C-alpha atoms as a PDB file:
ATOM      1  CA  MET A   1      -0.059  -0.079   0.006  1.00  0.00           C
ATOM      2  CA  LYS A   2       1.110   3.425  -0.796  1.00  0.00           C
ATOM      3  CA  MET A   3       1.477   6.145   2.049  1.00  0.00           C
ATOM      4  CA  GLN A   4      -1.472   7.992   0.464  1.00  0.00           C
ATOM      5  CA  ASP A   5      -3.747   4.845   0.678  1.00  0.00           C
ATOM      6  CA  ASN A   6      -2.705   4.380   4.221  1.00  0.00           C
ATOM      7  CA  THR A   7      -3.561   8.021   5.121  1.00  0.00           C
ATOM      8  CA  LYS A   8      -7.019   7.638   3.381  1.00  0.00           C
ATOM      9  CA  ALA A   9      -7.849   4.379   5.046  1.00  0.00           C
ATOM     10  CA  LEU A  10      -6.779   5.907   8.457  1.00  0.00           C
ATOM     11  CA  LEU A  11      -9.066   9.011   7.856  1.00  0.00           C
ATOM     12  CA  ASP A  12     -11.988   6.823   6.795  1.00  0.00           C
ATOM     13  CA  ALA A  13     -11.613   4.812   9.991  1.00  0.00           C
ATOM     14  CA  ILE A  14     -11.538   7.903  12.076  1.00  0.00           C
ATOM     15  CA  ALA A  15     -14.690   9.270  10.283  1.00  0.00           C
ATOM     16  CA  VAL A  16     -16.550   6.099  11.206  1.00  0.00           C
ATOM     17  CA  VAL A  17     -15.615   6.246  14.792  1.00  0.00           C
ATOM     18  CA  GLU A  18     -16.610   9.955  15.016  1.00  0.00           C
ATOM     19  CA  ASP A  19     -19.981   9.057  13.333  1.00  0.00           C
ATOM     20  CA  MET A  20     -20.615   6.282  15.847  1.00  0.00           C
ATOM     21  CA  ASN A  21     -19.895   8.711  18.803  1.00  0.00           C
ATOM     22  CA  LYS A  22     -21.943  11.640  17.353  1.00  0.00           C
ATOM     23  CA  VAL A  23     -25.513  12.142  18.881  1.00  0.00           C
ATOM     24  CA  HIS A  24     -28.230  11.193  16.459  1.00  0.00           C
ATOM     25  CA  THR A  25     -32.020  11.642  16.877  1.00  0.00           C
ATOM     26  CA  VAL A  26     -34.707   9.381  15.484  1.00  0.00           C
ATOM     27  CA  ASP A  27     -38.437   9.422  15.626  1.00  0.00           C
ATOM     28  CA  ILE A  28     -39.596   6.247  17.330  1.00  0.00           C
ATOM     29  CA  ASP A  29     -43.417   6.607  17.290  1.00  0.00           C
ATOM     30  CA  HIS A  30     -43.489   5.951  21.001  1.00  0.00           C
ATOM     31  CA  GLU A  31     -46.470   7.300  22.955  1.00  0.00           C
ATOM     32  CA  THR A  32     -45.094   7.687  26.467  1.00  0.00           C
ATOM     33  CA  GLY A  33     -42.136   9.979  25.892  1.00  0.00           C
ATOM     34  CA  THR A  34     -40.558   9.069  29.228  1.00  0.00           C
ATOM     35  CA  ALA A  35     -37.386   7.151  29.657  1.00  0.00           C
ATOM     36  CA  SER A  36     -37.553   3.830  31.571  1.00  0.00           C
ATOM     37  CA  SER A  37     -34.550   1.783  32.738  1.00  0.00           C
ATOM     38  CA  HIS A  38     -34.224   0.359  29.235  1.00  0.00           C
ATOM     39  CA  GLU A  39     -33.594   3.835  27.717  1.00  0.00           C
ATOM     40  CA  LYS A  40     -31.324   4.784  30.462  1.00  0.00           C
ATOM     41  CA  LYS A  41     -29.299   1.590  30.296  1.00  0.00           C
ATOM     42  CA  HIS A  42     -28.652   2.249  26.643  1.00  0.00           C
ATOM     43  CA  GLY A  43     -27.839   6.000  27.081  1.00  0.00           C
ATOM     44  CA  ILE A  44     -30.991   7.170  25.085  1.00  0.00           C
ATOM     45  CA  THR A  45     -32.881  10.316  25.844  1.00  0.00           C
ATOM     46  CA  LEU A  46     -36.508  10.536  24.870  1.00  0.00           C
ATOM     47  CA  LYS A  47     -38.351  13.804  24.065  1.00  0.00           C
ATOM     48  CA  LYS A  48     -41.990  14.177  23.105  1.00  0.00           C
ATOM     49  CA  ASN A  49     -42.969  15.711  19.745  1.00  0.00           C
ATOM     50  CA  LYS A  50     -45.964  17.834  19.739  1.00  0.00           C
ATOM     51  CA  GLY A  51     -48.518  17.865  16.647  1.00  0.00           C
ATOM     52  CA  HIS A  52     -49.957  21.049  15.227  1.00  0.00           C
ATOM     53  CA  GLY A  53     -52.671  21.133  17.800  1.00  0.00           C
ATOM     54  CA  GLY A  54     -50.226  20.690  20.665  1.00  0.00           C
ATOM     55  CA  GLU A  55     -51.081  17.074  21.265  1.00  0.00           C
ATOM     56  CA  HIS A  56     -48.421  14.447  21.765  1.00  0.00           C
ATOM     57  CA  MET A  57     -47.803  12.762  18.437  1.00  0.00           C
ATOM     58  CA  SER A  58     -44.614  10.687  18.803  1.00  0.00           C
ATOM     59  CA  THR A  59     -41.214  10.748  20.633  1.00  0.00           C
ATOM     60  CA  ASN A  60     -37.746  11.349  19.614  1.00  0.00           C
ATOM     61  CA  ALA A  61     -34.983   9.124  20.798  1.00  0.00           C
ATOM     62  CA  SER A  62     -31.491  10.625  20.930  1.00  0.00           C
ATOM     63  CA  GLY A  63     -28.083   9.031  21.621  1.00  0.00           C
ATOM     64  CA  THR A  64     -24.933   7.956  19.874  1.00  0.00           C
ATOM     65  CA  LYS A  65     -25.258   5.859  16.922  1.00  0.00           C
ATOM     66  CA  ALA A  66     -23.746   2.927  18.747  1.00  0.00           C
ATOM     67  CA  ASN A  67     -26.262   3.219  21.584  1.00  0.00           C
ATOM     68  CA  LEU A  68     -29.237   3.778  19.161  1.00  0.00           C
ATOM     69  CA  GLN A  69     -28.202   0.510  17.217  1.00  0.00           C
ATOM     70  CA  LYS A  70     -28.490  -1.493  20.407  1.00  0.00           C
ATOM     71  CA  TYR A  71     -31.633   0.394  21.590  1.00  0.00           C
ATOM     72  CA  LEU A  72     -33.479   0.229  18.333  1.00  0.00           C
ATOM     73  CA  LYS A  73     -32.856  -3.523  17.913  1.00  0.00           C
ATOM     74  CA  LYS A  74     -34.751  -4.176  21.095  1.00  0.00           C
ATOM     75  CA  HIS A  75     -37.394  -1.406  20.729  1.00  0.00           C
ATOM     76  CA  TYR A  76     -38.466  -2.663  17.211  1.00  0.00           C
ATOM     77  CA  ASP A  77     -38.030  -6.508  17.701  1.00  0.00           C
ATOM     78  CA  GLY A  78     -36.232  -7.043  14.621  1.00  0.00           C
ATOM     79  CA  ASP A  79     -37.538  -4.336  12.318  1.00  0.00           C
ATOM     80  CA  HIS A  80     -34.935  -1.846  13.397  1.00  0.00           C
ATOM     81  CA  LYS A  81     -32.887  -1.734  10.125  1.00  0.00           C
ATOM     82  CA  ASP A  82     -36.059  -1.090   8.118  1.00  0.00           C
ATOM     83  CA  MET A  83     -37.397   1.596  10.563  1.00  0.00           C
ATOM     84  CA  HIS A  84     -34.197   3.632  10.690  1.00  0.00           C
ATOM     85  CA  PRO A  85     -31.657   2.537   8.183  1.00  0.00           C
ATOM     86  CA  GLU A  86     -29.677   5.815   8.611  1.00  0.00           C
ATOM     87  CA  ILE A  87     -28.544   4.601  11.961  1.00  0.00           C
ATOM     88  CA  TYR A  88     -26.967   1.394  10.455  1.00  0.00           C
ATOM     89  CA  LYS A  89     -24.979   3.008   7.635  1.00  0.00           C
END
């Protein structure tokens, strides 16, 4: 491998690690909007979304990509990659 190829591979690896540690937010269509021990265990923060009339419509889940991958797998019982493919890129 050339030095240039090694440098690019190293920068690509750093970008992947940074993305896994960056906080991401997804809409989980969850009605309660309150974190239980399951969310806390996975480092996930929940925040209720309000509809146009002010009623609670859904919930955002925020956390690192690594934590969201673990959380969504359990939350969606196997449909996690279909529901939020952006978290698995």
